[in-house]
N, C-alpha and C. Protein backbone atom coordinates (compact mmCIF):
# COMPACT_ATOMS: atom_id res chain seq x y z
N UNK A 1 0.94 87.47 1.41
CA UNK A 1 1.17 88.21 2.63
C UNK A 1 0.76 89.67 2.38
N UNK A 2 0.02 90.21 3.30
CA UNK A 2 -0.47 91.57 3.11
C UNK A 2 0.63 92.58 3.42
N UNK A 3 0.42 93.77 2.98
CA UNK A 3 1.37 94.84 3.20
C UNK A 3 1.52 95.13 4.69
N UNK A 4 0.40 95.06 5.41
CA UNK A 4 0.42 95.31 6.86
C UNK A 4 1.29 94.25 7.55
N UNK A 5 1.12 92.98 7.19
CA UNK A 5 1.92 91.91 7.78
C UNK A 5 3.40 92.08 7.45
N UNK A 6 3.71 92.47 6.24
CA UNK A 6 5.11 92.69 5.85
C UNK A 6 5.72 93.83 6.66
N UNK A 7 4.93 94.88 6.88
CA UNK A 7 5.39 96.02 7.67
C UNK A 7 5.66 95.60 9.11
N UNK A 8 4.74 94.82 9.69
CA UNK A 8 4.91 94.34 11.07
C UNK A 8 6.12 93.42 11.18
N UNK A 9 6.33 92.56 10.20
CA UNK A 9 7.46 91.65 10.21
C UNK A 9 8.77 92.44 10.12
N UNK A 10 8.77 93.48 9.32
CA UNK A 10 9.94 94.33 9.19
C UNK A 10 10.24 95.03 10.52
N UNK A 11 9.22 95.49 11.21
CA UNK A 11 9.40 96.13 12.51
C UNK A 11 9.99 95.14 13.52
N UNK A 12 9.49 93.92 13.52
CA UNK A 12 10.00 92.89 14.43
C UNK A 12 11.47 92.61 14.13
N UNK A 13 11.83 92.50 12.87
CA UNK A 13 13.21 92.24 12.49
C UNK A 13 14.13 93.39 12.92
N UNK A 14 13.67 94.61 12.75
CA UNK A 14 14.46 95.77 13.17
C UNK A 14 14.64 95.77 14.69
N UNK A 15 13.59 95.43 15.42
CA UNK A 15 13.67 95.37 16.88
C UNK A 15 14.64 94.27 17.32
N UNK A 16 14.61 93.12 16.66
CA UNK A 16 15.53 92.04 16.99
C UNK A 16 16.97 92.45 16.73
N UNK A 17 17.21 93.14 15.63
CA UNK A 17 18.57 93.59 15.30
C UNK A 17 19.06 94.60 16.33
N UNK A 18 18.19 95.52 16.75
CA UNK A 18 18.54 96.50 17.77
C UNK A 18 18.85 95.81 19.09
N UNK A 19 18.03 94.83 19.47
CA UNK A 19 18.26 94.08 20.70
C UNK A 19 19.58 93.34 20.64
N UNK A 20 19.86 92.73 19.51
CA UNK A 20 21.12 91.99 19.33
C UNK A 20 22.31 92.94 19.47
N UNK A 21 22.22 94.12 18.90
CA UNK A 21 23.29 95.11 18.97
C UNK A 21 23.51 95.56 20.41
N UNK A 22 22.43 95.84 21.12
CA UNK A 22 22.53 96.27 22.51
C UNK A 22 23.11 95.17 23.39
N UNK A 23 22.69 93.93 23.15
CA UNK A 23 23.20 92.80 23.92
C UNK A 23 24.70 92.63 23.67
N UNK A 24 25.13 92.74 22.41
CA UNK A 24 26.56 92.60 22.09
C UNK A 24 27.37 93.70 22.78
N UNK A 25 26.85 94.93 22.78
CA UNK A 25 27.54 96.04 23.47
C UNK A 25 27.64 95.75 24.95
N UNK A 26 26.57 95.26 25.55
CA UNK A 26 26.56 94.92 26.98
C UNK A 26 27.62 93.86 27.27
N UNK A 27 27.69 92.83 26.46
CA UNK A 27 28.66 91.75 26.67
C UNK A 27 30.09 92.27 26.49
N UNK A 28 30.32 93.10 25.49
CA UNK A 28 31.65 93.68 25.28
C UNK A 28 32.07 94.55 26.47
N UNK A 29 31.14 95.35 26.97
CA UNK A 29 31.41 96.19 28.13
C UNK A 29 31.73 95.34 29.35
N UNK A 30 31.00 94.24 29.52
CA UNK A 30 31.21 93.35 30.66
C UNK A 30 32.62 92.74 30.61
N UNK A 31 33.07 92.37 29.42
CA UNK A 31 34.42 91.81 29.27
C UNK A 31 35.46 92.89 29.58
N UNK A 32 35.25 94.10 29.08
CA UNK A 32 36.18 95.20 29.35
C UNK A 32 36.31 95.47 30.85
N UNK A 33 35.18 95.52 31.54
CA UNK A 33 35.19 95.79 32.98
C UNK A 33 35.90 94.66 33.72
N UNK A 34 35.63 93.42 33.33
CA UNK A 34 36.30 92.27 33.95
C UNK A 34 37.80 92.34 33.77
N UNK A 35 38.25 92.70 32.58
CA UNK A 35 39.70 92.82 32.33
C UNK A 35 40.32 93.93 33.17
N UNK A 36 39.64 95.07 33.27
CA UNK A 36 40.14 96.17 34.09
C UNK A 36 40.21 95.76 35.56
N UNK A 37 39.20 95.07 36.03
CA UNK A 37 39.20 94.63 37.42
C UNK A 37 40.37 93.68 37.68
N UNK A 38 40.58 92.74 36.79
CA UNK A 38 41.69 91.80 36.96
C UNK A 38 43.04 92.52 36.92
N UNK A 39 43.15 93.55 36.09
CA UNK A 39 44.41 94.26 35.93
C UNK A 39 44.85 94.96 37.21
N UNK A 40 43.90 95.40 38.03
CA UNK A 40 44.26 96.14 39.24
C UNK A 40 44.31 95.25 40.48
N UNK A 41 44.06 93.97 40.33
CA UNK A 41 44.10 93.05 41.47
C UNK A 41 45.51 92.52 41.70
N UNK A 42 45.73 92.08 42.91
CA UNK A 42 46.99 91.39 43.21
C UNK A 42 47.00 90.06 42.46
N UNK A 43 48.18 89.50 42.21
CA UNK A 43 48.25 88.22 41.50
C UNK A 43 47.42 87.11 42.17
N UNK A 44 47.39 87.11 43.49
CA UNK A 44 46.61 86.11 44.22
C UNK A 44 45.11 86.24 43.92
N UNK A 45 44.61 87.48 43.96
CA UNK A 45 43.20 87.71 43.64
C UNK A 45 42.91 87.44 42.17
N UNK A 46 43.87 87.76 41.29
CA UNK A 46 43.68 87.49 39.87
C UNK A 46 43.45 86.01 39.62
N UNK A 47 44.28 85.18 40.25
CA UNK A 47 44.13 83.72 40.08
C UNK A 47 42.77 83.26 40.57
N UNK A 48 42.33 83.84 41.67
CA UNK A 48 41.06 83.44 42.27
C UNK A 48 39.86 83.86 41.41
N UNK A 49 40.00 84.94 40.64
CA UNK A 49 38.86 85.50 39.90
C UNK A 49 38.98 85.39 38.38
N UNK A 50 40.02 84.76 37.86
CA UNK A 50 40.25 84.78 36.42
C UNK A 50 39.16 84.10 35.59
N UNK A 51 38.41 83.20 36.16
CA UNK A 51 37.35 82.51 35.41
C UNK A 51 35.96 83.08 35.67
N UNK A 52 35.90 84.28 36.25
CA UNK A 52 34.62 84.89 36.59
C UNK A 52 34.35 86.09 35.69
N UNK A 53 33.08 86.41 35.52
CA UNK A 53 32.70 87.65 34.85
C UNK A 53 32.65 88.76 35.90
N UNK A 54 32.54 90.00 35.46
CA UNK A 54 32.62 91.16 36.35
C UNK A 54 31.62 91.06 37.51
N UNK A 55 30.37 90.70 37.21
CA UNK A 55 29.36 90.63 38.27
C UNK A 55 29.76 89.63 39.34
N UNK A 56 30.25 88.46 38.92
CA UNK A 56 30.67 87.44 39.89
C UNK A 56 31.85 87.91 40.72
N UNK A 57 32.78 88.64 40.07
CA UNK A 57 33.93 89.18 40.80
C UNK A 57 33.48 90.14 41.89
N UNK A 58 32.59 91.05 41.52
CA UNK A 58 32.09 92.04 42.49
C UNK A 58 31.42 91.34 43.65
N UNK A 59 30.58 90.38 43.36
CA UNK A 59 29.87 89.63 44.40
C UNK A 59 30.86 88.92 45.33
N UNK A 60 31.86 88.27 44.74
CA UNK A 60 32.84 87.54 45.53
C UNK A 60 33.69 88.48 46.39
N UNK A 61 34.10 89.61 45.82
CA UNK A 61 34.89 90.58 46.58
C UNK A 61 34.09 91.17 47.73
N UNK A 62 32.80 91.39 47.51
CA UNK A 62 31.94 91.86 48.61
C UNK A 62 31.91 90.85 49.73
N UNK A 63 31.74 89.58 49.39
CA UNK A 63 31.72 88.54 50.41
C UNK A 63 33.03 88.50 51.20
N UNK A 64 34.14 88.68 50.50
CA UNK A 64 35.44 88.62 51.15
C UNK A 64 35.67 89.81 52.08
N UNK A 65 35.40 91.01 51.58
CA UNK A 65 35.81 92.22 52.30
C UNK A 65 34.71 92.94 53.07
N UNK A 66 33.46 92.60 52.86
CA UNK A 66 32.38 93.32 53.53
C UNK A 66 32.44 93.15 55.04
N UNK A 67 32.71 91.93 55.50
CA UNK A 67 32.82 91.68 56.94
C UNK A 67 33.98 92.44 57.56
N UNK A 68 35.09 92.49 56.85
CA UNK A 68 36.27 93.21 57.32
C UNK A 68 35.97 94.70 57.44
N UNK A 69 35.30 95.27 56.45
CA UNK A 69 34.95 96.69 56.48
C UNK A 69 33.99 96.99 57.62
N UNK A 70 33.05 96.09 57.85
CA UNK A 70 32.10 96.27 58.94
C UNK A 70 32.82 96.27 60.28
N UNK A 71 33.78 95.36 60.45
CA UNK A 71 34.55 95.27 61.70
C UNK A 71 35.39 96.53 61.90
N UNK A 72 36.03 97.01 60.85
CA UNK A 72 36.82 98.23 60.96
C UNK A 72 35.95 99.43 61.30
N UNK A 73 34.79 99.51 60.72
CA UNK A 73 33.86 100.59 61.02
C UNK A 73 33.42 100.54 62.48
N UNK A 74 33.15 99.34 62.97
CA UNK A 74 32.75 99.16 64.37
C UNK A 74 33.88 99.61 65.30
N UNK A 75 35.11 99.18 65.01
CA UNK A 75 36.25 99.54 65.85
C UNK A 75 36.48 101.04 65.85
N UNK A 76 36.37 101.69 64.71
CA UNK A 76 36.54 103.14 64.61
C UNK A 76 35.46 103.86 65.41
N UNK A 77 34.22 103.43 65.26
CA UNK A 77 33.12 104.05 66.01
C UNK A 77 33.30 103.86 67.51
N UNK A 78 33.70 102.68 67.90
CA UNK A 78 33.92 102.37 69.32
C UNK A 78 35.00 103.29 69.90
N UNK A 79 36.10 103.45 69.18
CA UNK A 79 37.18 104.32 69.64
C UNK A 79 36.70 105.76 69.71
N UNK A 80 35.96 106.20 68.72
CA UNK A 80 35.46 107.57 68.71
C UNK A 80 34.52 107.83 69.88
N UNK A 81 33.63 106.89 70.16
CA UNK A 81 32.66 107.09 71.25
C UNK A 81 33.34 107.03 72.63
N UNK A 82 34.50 106.42 72.72
CA UNK A 82 35.20 106.33 73.99
C UNK A 82 36.05 107.57 74.27
N UNK A 83 36.20 108.42 73.26
CA UNK A 83 36.99 109.66 73.45
C UNK A 83 36.22 110.62 74.34
N UNK A 84 36.98 111.30 75.17
CA UNK A 84 36.37 112.30 76.05
C UNK A 84 37.06 113.64 75.83
N UNK A 85 36.29 114.70 75.97
CA UNK A 85 36.87 116.01 75.83
C UNK A 85 37.63 116.35 77.11
N UNK A 86 38.78 116.99 76.95
CA UNK A 86 39.54 117.39 78.14
C UNK A 86 38.84 118.60 78.76
N UNK A 87 38.97 118.68 80.06
CA UNK A 87 38.31 119.77 80.79
C UNK A 87 39.11 121.03 80.78
């Protein structure tokens, strides 16, 4: 094996180790965020989301509450637009 090939192989191994380290940090962070999210949820929501990772929890919570937020925003805007200034 030539010196150039050994150098290239060493670079590839270092890159793989760096990638592995970054991936492990990402996974650890994902677990931490999931635990924090579960900790602030009501017991009912905790049961519903306990087998999900953080991304899945966020997606599911958006599905649950996005429609409600949209309706509340519509109702607030409707009430605001119906207000009239007194003369």
